[in-house]
Protein backbone atom coordinates (compact mmCIF):
# COMPACT_ATOMS: atom_id res chain seq x y z
CA SER A 1 0.00 0.00 0.00
CA LYS A 2 0.99 3.65 0.12
CA GLN A 3 2.21 3.11 3.71
CA ASN A 4 4.48 0.24 2.50
CA ILE A 5 2.22 -2.38 4.11
CA ARG A 6 2.05 -5.62 2.13
CA VAL A 7 -1.52 -6.48 1.21
CA ASN A 8 -2.96 -9.79 -0.03
CA THR A 9 -5.83 -9.41 -2.46
CA PRO A 10 -7.05 -12.80 -3.78
CA SER A 11 -8.89 -11.95 -7.00
CA THR A 12 -10.49 -13.54 -10.03
CA PHE A 13 -10.19 -11.89 -13.49
CA THR A 14 -12.17 -13.02 -16.53
CA VAL A 15 -10.37 -12.13 -19.80
CA GLY A 16 -11.21 -12.82 -23.44
CA ILE A 17 -10.32 -11.83 -27.00
CA SER A 18 -11.71 -8.37 -27.77
CA THR A 19 -14.40 -8.00 -30.44
CA ASP A 20 -13.30 -4.48 -31.33
CA PRO A 21 -11.78 -4.52 -34.87
CA GLY A 22 -8.73 -2.48 -33.86
CA VAL A 23 -8.07 -4.56 -30.75
CA MET A 24 -8.65 -7.79 -32.72
CA ALA A 25 -5.87 -6.68 -35.06
CA ASN A 26 -3.59 -6.38 -32.02
CA ALA A 27 -4.61 -9.91 -30.93
CA ALA A 28 -3.91 -11.31 -34.38
CA GLU A 29 -0.50 -9.69 -34.36
CA ARG A 30 0.60 -10.52 -30.80
CA LEU A 31 -1.34 -13.66 -29.72
CA LEU A 32 -1.54 -15.67 -32.93
CA GLY A 33 0.62 -18.77 -32.56
CA LEU A 34 0.77 -18.68 -28.73
CA GLN A 35 -0.49 -21.52 -26.53
CA LEU A 36 -3.37 -20.99 -24.12
CA THR A 37 -1.02 -21.20 -21.15
CA GLN A 38 1.20 -18.56 -22.70
CA VAL A 39 -1.76 -16.25 -23.23
CA ARG A 40 -2.89 -16.91 -19.62
CA ASP A 41 0.58 -16.13 -18.26
CA LEU A 42 0.74 -12.92 -20.32
CA ALA A 43 -2.63 -11.77 -19.00
CA ARG A 44 -1.69 -12.70 -15.41
CA ASP A 45 1.54 -10.71 -15.61
CA ILE A 46 -0.34 -7.64 -16.91
CA ILE A 47 -2.98 -7.98 -14.16
CA PHE A 48 -0.44 -8.41 -11.37
CA GLY A 49 1.57 -5.43 -12.57
CA GLN A 50 -1.44 -3.10 -12.70
CA MET A 51 -2.71 -4.32 -9.29
CA ARG A 52 0.68 -3.53 -7.72
CA VAL A 53 0.64 -0.05 -9.32
CA VAL A 54 -2.89 0.74 -8.11
CA ILE A 55 -2.46 -0.64 -4.56
CA ALA A 56 0.88 1.21 -4.17
CA THR A 57 -0.87 4.54 -4.82
CA MET A 58 -3.71 4.00 -2.28
CA ASP A 59 -3.82 4.15 1.51
CA ILE A 60 -4.56 0.85 3.22
CA GLU A 61 -7.60 2.42 4.88
CA ALA A 62 -9.00 3.38 1.46
CA ILE A 63 -8.25 -0.12 0.12
CA ASN A 64 -10.13 -1.72 3.01
CA ALA A 65 -13.00 0.78 3.15
CA ASP A 66 -13.76 1.43 -0.54
CA ARG A 67 -13.69 -1.79 -2.52
CA ASP A 68 -15.57 -0.23 -5.44
CA GLN A 69 -12.91 2.44 -5.97
CA LEU A 70 -10.19 -0.22 -5.81
CA ILE A 71 -11.92 -2.42 -8.38
CA GLU A 72 -12.59 0.60 -10.67
CA ARG A 73 -8.98 1.77 -10.65
CA ILE A 74 -7.63 -1.79 -11.18
CA SER A 75 -10.11 -2.34 -14.04
CA ASP A 76 -9.11 0.91 -15.76
CA GLY A 77 -5.41 0.11 -15.58
CA VAL A 78 -5.76 -3.55 -16.60
CA GLU A 79 -8.19 -2.80 -19.43
CA GLY A 80 -5.82 -0.32 -21.06
CA GLU A 81 -2.88 -2.72 -20.96
CA LEU A 82 -4.87 -5.74 -22.15
CA ARG A 83 -6.12 -3.86 -25.21
CA LYS A 84 -2.55 -3.44 -26.35
CA VAL A 85 -2.23 -7.24 -26.80
CA GLY A 86 -5.76 -7.74 -28.15
CA LEU A 87 -7.54 -8.84 -24.92
CA ARG A 88 -10.60 -7.47 -23.14
CA LEU A 89 -11.36 -7.50 -19.39
CA ILE A 90 -14.77 -9.07 -18.82
CA ASN A 91 -15.10 -9.26 -15.01
CA VAL A 92 -13.13 -8.52 -11.79
CA ASN A 93 -13.87 -10.13 -8.42
CA ILE A 94 -11.74 -9.30 -5.35
CA GLN A 95 -12.50 -11.95 -2.72
CA ASP A 96 -10.77 -10.62 0.38
CA ILE A 97 -8.09 -8.18 1.51
CA THR A 98 -5.60 -9.19 4.22
CA ASP A 99 -2.16 -8.11 5.40
CA GLU A 100 0.65 -9.92 7.18
CA SER A 101 0.99 -7.31 9.95
CA GLY A 102 -2.61 -7.64 11.17
CA TYR A 103 -3.30 -3.91 10.54
CA LEU A 104 -6.58 -4.64 8.81
CA ASN A 105 -7.70 -6.94 11.70
CA ALA A 106 -6.92 -4.17 14.15
CA LEU A 107 -8.94 -1.75 12.06
CA GLY A 108 -11.81 -4.25 12.11
CA GLN A 109 -11.66 -4.67 15.87
CA GLU A 110 -11.55 -0.90 16.31
CA ALA A 111 -14.56 -0.55 14.10
CA SER A 112 -16.37 -3.30 16.03
CA SER A 113 -15.64 -1.65 19.38
CA ARG A 114 -16.76 1.69 18.02
CA ALA A 115 -19.96 0.14 16.78
CA ILE A 116 -20.67 -1.54 20.17
CA ASN A 117 -20.03 1.70 22.04
CA ASP A 118 -22.23 3.61 19.62
CA ALA A 119 -24.96 1.03 20.18
CA ASN A 120 -24.72 1.32 23.99
CA VAL A 121 -24.80 5.11 23.77
CA ALA A 122 -27.77 4.98 21.47
CA GLU A 123 -29.59 2.63 23.85
CA ALA A 124 -28.94 4.94 26.83
CA ASN A 125 -30.04 7.97 24.83
CA ASN A 126 -33.20 6.22 23.81
CA LYS A 127 -33.98 5.28 27.44
CA ARG A 128 -33.37 8.84 28.59
CA LYS A 129 -35.49 10.22 25.82
CA GLY A 130 -38.28 7.82 26.86
CA GLU A 131 -38.32 9.02 30.46
CA ILE A 132 -38.15 12.64 29.34
CA GLY A 133 -40.98 11.99 26.95
CA VAL A 134 -43.20 10.61 29.72
CA ALA A 135 -42.59 13.66 31.91
CA GLU A 136 -43.16 16.04 29.02
CA ALA A 137 -46.37 14.23 28.15
CA GLN A 138 -47.73 14.64 31.69
CA ARG A 139 -46.75 18.30 31.68
CA ASP A 140 -48.32 18.85 28.30
CA GLN A 141 -51.50 17.23 29.58
CA ARG A 142 -51.79 19.62 32.52
CA VAL A 143 -50.95 22.60 30.33
CA ALA A 144 -53.46 21.50 27.75
CA VAL A 145 -56.24 21.27 30.34
CA SER A 146 -55.48 24.76 31.68
CA ALA A 147 -55.21 26.10 28.19
CA SER A 148 -58.52 24.57 27.28
CA GLN A 149 -60.23 26.24 30.22
CA ALA A 150 -58.59 29.58 29.44
CA SER A 151 -59.45 29.20 25.82
CA ALA A 152 -63.07 28.66 26.70
CA VAL A 153 -63.23 31.87 28.73
CA GLU A 154 -61.25 33.72 26.09
CA GLY A 155 -63.57 32.40 23.44
CA GLU A 156 -66.59 33.77 25.23
CA ASN A 157 -64.94 37.18 25.62
CA LEU A 158 -63.80 37.19 22.02
CA ALA A 159 -67.32 36.36 20.90
CA LYS A 160 -68.68 39.35 22.81
CA VAL A 161 -65.96 41.59 21.38
CA LYS A 162 -66.67 40.38 17.89
CA VAL A 163 -70.36 41.14 18.31
CA ALA A 164 -69.51 44.69 19.40
CA GLU A 165 -67.02 45.10 16.57
CA SER A 166 -69.59 43.80 14.11
CA ASP A 167 -72.15 46.37 15.27
CA ALA A 168 -69.59 49.19 15.01
CA MET A 169 -68.47 48.04 11.59
CA ARG A 170 -72.07 47.87 10.44
CA ARG A 171 -72.76 51.41 11.54
CA GLU A 172 -69.48 52.61 9.98
CA ARG A 173 -70.25 50.94 6.68
CA GLU A 174 -73.75 52.38 6.64
CA ALA A 175 -72.33 55.88 7.15
CA GLU A 176 -69.69 55.27 4.49
CA ALA A 177 -72.34 54.04 2.09
CA GLU A 178 -74.44 57.16 2.65
CA ARG A 179 -71.35 59.37 2.15
CA LEU A 180 -70.36 57.57 -1.02
CA ALA A 181 -73.88 57.80 -2.36
CA SER A 182 -74.01 61.57 -1.73
CA ALA A 183 -70.56 62.06 -3.23
CA ALA A 184 -71.43 59.94 -6.24
CA GLU A 185 -74.55 61.99 -6.83
CA LYS A 186 -72.57 65.24 -6.69
CA VAL A 187 -69.90 63.77 -8.96
CA LYS A 188 -72.54 62.77 -11.49
CA GLN A 189 -74.01 66.27 -11.43
CA ALA A 190 -70.55 67.81 -11.90
CA GLN A 191 -69.80 65.41 -14.73
CA ALA A 192 -73.06 66.31 -16.42
CA LEU A 193 -72.23 70.03 -16.19
CA GLU A 194 -68.69 69.37 -17.42
CA GLU A 195 -69.97 67.40 -20.39
CA ALA A 196 -72.42 70.17 -21.20
CA TYR A 197 -69.67 72.80 -21.03
CA ALA A 198 -67.41 70.57 -23.13
CA SER A 199 -70.12 70.16 -25.76
CA GLU A 200 -70.62 73.91 -25.92
CA LYS A 201 -66.86 74.48 -26.16
CA THR A 202 -66.61 71.89 -28.93
CA ALA A 203 -69.39 73.62 -30.84
CA GLU A 204 -67.71 77.02 -30.38
CA ASP A 205 -64.37 75.58 -31.52
CA ALA A 206 -66.04 74.07 -34.57
CA ARG A 207 -67.67 77.40 -35.45
CA SER A 208 -64.36 79.22 -34.92
CA GLN A 209 -62.52 76.69 -37.05
CA ARG A 210 -65.13 76.98 -39.77
CA GLU A 211 -64.85 80.78 -39.74
CA LYS A 212 -61.08 80.53 -39.82
CA SER A 213 -61.23 78.08 -42.73
CA THR A 214 -63.58 80.40 -44.59
CA GLN A 215 -61.31 83.40 -44.05
CA TYR A 216 -58.30 81.33 -45.06
CA ALA A 217 -60.01 80.17 -48.25
CA ASN A 218 -61.20 83.69 -49.12
CA VAL A 219 -58.04 85.64 -48.26
CA VAL A 220 -54.97 83.52 -47.69
CA VAL A 221 -55.44 80.98 -50.49
CA PRO A 222 -55.86 83.61 -53.26
CA ALA A 223 -52.89 85.53 -51.84
CA GLU A 224 -50.77 82.38 -51.81
CA ILE A 225 -51.87 81.60 -55.38
CA GLU A 226 -50.95 85.13 -56.48
CA LYS A 227 -47.65 84.85 -54.61
CA ALA A 228 -46.87 81.53 -56.30
CA LYS A 229 -47.84 83.03 -59.67
CA ILE A 230 -45.54 86.02 -59.13
CA GLU A 231 -42.72 83.77 -57.96
CA THR A 232 -43.18 81.50 -60.99
CA LEU A 233 -43.19 84.44 -63.42
CA ALA A 234 -40.17 85.97 -61.70
CA GLU A 235 -38.32 82.67 -61.86
CA ALA A 236 -39.25 82.33 -65.54
CA ASP A 237 -37.99 85.85 -66.29
CA ALA A 238 -34.83 85.20 -64.32
CA GLU A 239 -34.28 81.92 -66.13
CA LYS A 240 -34.85 83.65 -69.47
CA ILE A 241 -32.32 86.36 -68.58
CA ARG A 242 -29.86 83.73 -67.38
CA ARG A 243 -30.24 81.76 -70.61
CA LEU A 244 -29.84 84.94 -72.76
CA LYS A 245 -26.79 86.03 -70.81
CA LYS A 246 -25.38 82.53 -71.03
CA GLY A 247 -25.94 82.53 -74.79
CA GLU A 248 -24.26 85.94 -75.12
CA ALA A 249 -21.38 84.77 -72.96
CA ASP A 250 -21.02 81.61 -75.03
CA GLY A 251 -21.04 83.69 -78.22
CA ILE A 252 -18.44 86.11 -76.85
CA GLN A 253 -16.35 83.20 -75.68
CA SER A 254 -16.57 81.54 -79.10
CA LEU A 255 -15.68 84.85 -80.83
CA MET A 256 -12.74 85.43 -78.51
CA GLU A 257 -11.56 81.85 -79.03
CA ALA A 258 -11.81 82.30 -82.83
CA GLU A 259 -9.92 85.63 -82.68
CA ALA A 260 -7.31 84.05 -80.43
CA LYS A 261 -6.92 81.16 -82.83
CA GLY A 262 -6.61 83.61 -85.77
CA THR A 263 -4.05 85.73 -83.91
CA LEU A 264 -2.17 82.60 -82.93
CA ALA A 265 -2.18 81.39 -86.53
CA ALA A 266 -0.98 84.81 -87.80
CA LEU A 267 1.77 84.95 -85.19
CA GLN A 268 2.79 81.38 -85.98
CA ALA A 269 2.86 82.20 -89.72
CA LYS A 270 4.84 85.40 -89.06
CA ALA A 271 7.25 83.50 -86.81
CA GLN A 272 7.64 80.85 -89.48
CA GLY A 273 8.25 83.57 -92.09
CA PHE A 274 10.84 85.28 -89.87
CA GLY A 275 12.51 81.93 -89.37
CA GLU A 276 12.64 81.32 -93.10
CA ILE A 277 14.06 84.85 -93.63
CA VAL A 278 16.80 84.23 -91.09
CA GLN A 279 17.46 80.81 -92.65
CA SER A 280 17.62 82.29 -96.18
CA SER A 281 20.12 84.91 -94.97
CA GLY A 282 22.46 82.16 -93.89
CA GLY A 283 21.61 82.47 -90.19
CA ALA A 284 22.92 86.06 -89.94
CA ALA A 285 20.49 88.03 -87.77
CA ASP A 286 21.86 91.44 -88.93
CA ASP A 287 21.30 90.59 -92.60
CA ALA A 288 17.79 89.40 -91.81
CA THR A 289 17.10 92.65 -89.95
CA LEU A 290 18.46 94.67 -92.90
CA LEU A 291 16.16 92.79 -95.26
CA LEU A 292 13.11 93.44 -93.04
CA VAL A 293 13.94 97.15 -92.77
CA THR A 294 14.33 97.33 -96.54
CA GLU A 295 10.82 95.92 -96.90
CA GLN A 296 9.48 98.59 -94.53
CA LEU A 297 11.14 101.53 -96.39
CA PRO A 298 8.13 102.21 -98.65
CA GLN A 299 5.86 102.44 -95.61
CA LEU A 300 8.34 104.66 -93.78
CA ILE A 301 8.57 106.97 -96.80
CA GLU A 302 4.78 106.96 -97.02
CA GLU A 303 4.58 108.06 -93.38
CA GLN A 304 7.19 110.76 -94.12
CA VAL A 305 5.10 112.02 -96.99
CA LYS A 306 1.98 112.05 -94.80
CA ALA A 307 3.63 114.72 -92.69
CA ILE A 308 3.40 117.04 -95.69
CA ALA A 309 0.13 115.66 -97.00
CA ASN A 310 -1.60 116.60 -93.75
CA LEU A 311 -0.68 120.23 -94.38
CA LYS A 312 -3.53 121.88 -96.28
CA ILE A 313 -1.99 124.37 -98.76
CA ASP A 314 -4.37 125.65 -101.37
CA LYS A 315 -1.70 127.74 -103.09
CA VAL A 316 1.70 129.24 -102.44
CA THR A 317 2.50 132.81 -103.50
CA VAL A 318 6.14 133.80 -103.38
CA TRP A 319 7.15 137.40 -103.87
CA ASP A 320 10.79 137.25 -104.64
CA SER A 321 12.85 140.24 -105.75
CA GLY A 322 15.73 137.93 -106.51
CA LYS A 323 17.78 139.20 -103.56
CA GLY A 324 17.87 138.04 -100.01
CA ASP A 325 20.05 137.70 -96.96
CA GLY A 326 23.33 135.97 -97.62
CA GLY A 327 22.85 136.09 -101.33
CA LYS A 328 19.89 133.67 -101.24
CA ASN A 329 16.50 134.52 -102.59
CA ASP A 330 13.20 133.93 -100.70
CA THR A 331 12.29 130.84 -102.71
CA ALA A 332 15.45 129.06 -101.55
CA ASN A 333 14.74 130.01 -97.95
CA PHE A 334 11.18 128.63 -98.24
CA MET A 335 12.31 125.24 -99.60
CA SER A 336 15.10 124.80 -97.05
CA GLY A 337 12.67 125.69 -94.23
CA LEU A 338 10.14 123.20 -95.59
CA VAL A 339 12.74 120.41 -95.62
CA GLY A 340 13.85 121.32 -92.11
CA ALA A 341 10.22 121.09 -90.92
CA LEU A 342 10.01 117.36 -91.87
CA PRO A 343 10.88 114.90 -89.04
CA PRO A 344 14.12 113.10 -89.73
CA LEU A 345 13.74 109.55 -90.92
CA HIS A 346 15.98 108.17 -88.18
CA ASP A 347 13.93 109.80 -85.43
CA LEU A 348 10.74 108.34 -86.89
CA THR A 349 12.12 104.81 -87.08
CA LYS A 350 13.66 105.13 -83.63
CA ASN A 351 10.30 106.13 -82.16
CA VAL A 352 8.69 102.95 -83.53
CA GLY A 353 11.54 100.75 -82.22
CA ILE A 354 13.41 100.18 -85.54
CA GLU A 355 17.12 100.79 -86.01
CA LEU A 356 18.07 101.53 -89.63
CA PRO A 357 21.25 100.06 -91.18
CA GLU A 358 24.33 102.23 -91.24
CA PHE A 359 24.34 102.62 -95.04
CA LEU A 360 21.14 104.73 -94.68
CA GLY A 361 23.00 107.08 -92.38
CA LYS A 362 22.87 107.53 -88.62
CA LEU A 363 22.25 110.36 -86.19
CA SER A 364 25.32 112.34 -85.40
CA SER A 365 26.59 112.39 -81.86
CA ASP A 366 27.87 115.97 -82.46
CA PRO A 367 24.90 118.38 -82.53
CA ALA A 368 27.13 121.34 -83.48
CA GLY A 369 28.49 119.50 -86.50
CA ALA A 370 24.99 118.50 -87.50
CA ALA A 371 23.87 122.13 -87.30
CA LYS A 372 26.72 123.19 -89.58
CA LEU A 373 25.70 120.54 -92.09
CA ILE A 374 22.14 121.81 -92.01
CA GLU A 375 23.32 125.40 -92.60
CA LYS A 376 25.46 124.17 -95.44
CA ALA A 377 22.46 122.46 -97.00
CA LYS A 378 20.45 125.66 -96.66
CA SER A 379 23.18 127.62 -98.44
CA VAL A 380 22.59 125.63 -101.60
CA THR A 381 20.43 127.88 -103.83
CA PRO A 382 18.05 126.09 -106.18
CA GLN A 383 17.66 127.32 -109.75
CA GLN A 384 15.39 130.33 -109.77
CA PRO A 385 12.54 130.06 -112.22
CA GLN A 386 12.14 132.72 -114.92
CA SER A 387 9.97 135.57 -113.80
CA SER A 388 7.78 137.55 -116.09
CA THR A 389 8.41 140.66 -114.00
CA ASP A 390 11.32 141.96 -112.02
CA ASN A 391 9.29 142.52 -108.88
CA GLY A 392 7.99 138.97 -108.06
CA GLN A 393 6.80 135.56 -109.15
CA GLN A 394 3.48 133.79 -108.54
CA SER A 395 3.03 130.01 -108.71
């Protein structure tokens, strides 16, 4: 046992081949070809081993007191091991449990003595309870007689009290009934008046609602219809204006897009033409500029001429005696002044952002020298036309 006490447990085990297919396969593998005695010895060894394991883990008191637990634990251990060799445990019968030291006999004697003592104590307790019961019965009898007499007197008194209470309750209930009847009558009258007032109020509310509905139909509904009409017309006008403005905007946008496309095409064509001009001049930008300025000369001359064309001169009368200051006649002075009044070509082209080539001349950086040149040009006297008189000439 667990206390290292050797225990004898004569037992009978019934073992057979298992009918479970898996366990039968184990039997066919491990028992086929063995003699019956060999199979018996194998089973006995397994049973003895499991019994030793189970008994060694239990106290000797538990082994002696709880045979069912012992058999259950031995059966579980033996069954698992027998299945491994293809056998099945059918029945277990433990006949007796003894030990060599006499511990179990001592436990039995102790239990017997305890049982005898318990029996003697129980007998004495029963005898004492019997005597006590007799005395209590006699006492209960005397108490019961006295209680019966007192109960009789109390019953008479209670009967009288109940009669008085019944009379008082009757009178109280009669008064309560009269009060409830009077109150109910007044409540009914009040309810009748309330219902009458409620009916009148309902009628007044109905008349007021009808008048309100009439006023609403005659005043509010036409006003709302007129309001909706005005709102609808206003929305229609607004939508019309929006659509017209949108159409105008779309037209302006289309026109601007077309003009932009035309301007873009013209600029692209001009850029392509400028590129071809530069390419034809061998890539020399100065030569290309000279060529472009040459093309613009007729227009520049035309603008120069417009300076004179804008002067309105119906006729010019020159009275020339043939003599003037410095040996020049008046006709020469008039022509030189007219030429000096024209804007120089370089100033005109410079104002429009064009720089003329050097072979056309350039502005002098010496104003004094330029003035001398101008005076020299004025000193040149043109050929004087033949005059029919010595005093003047008219043209």
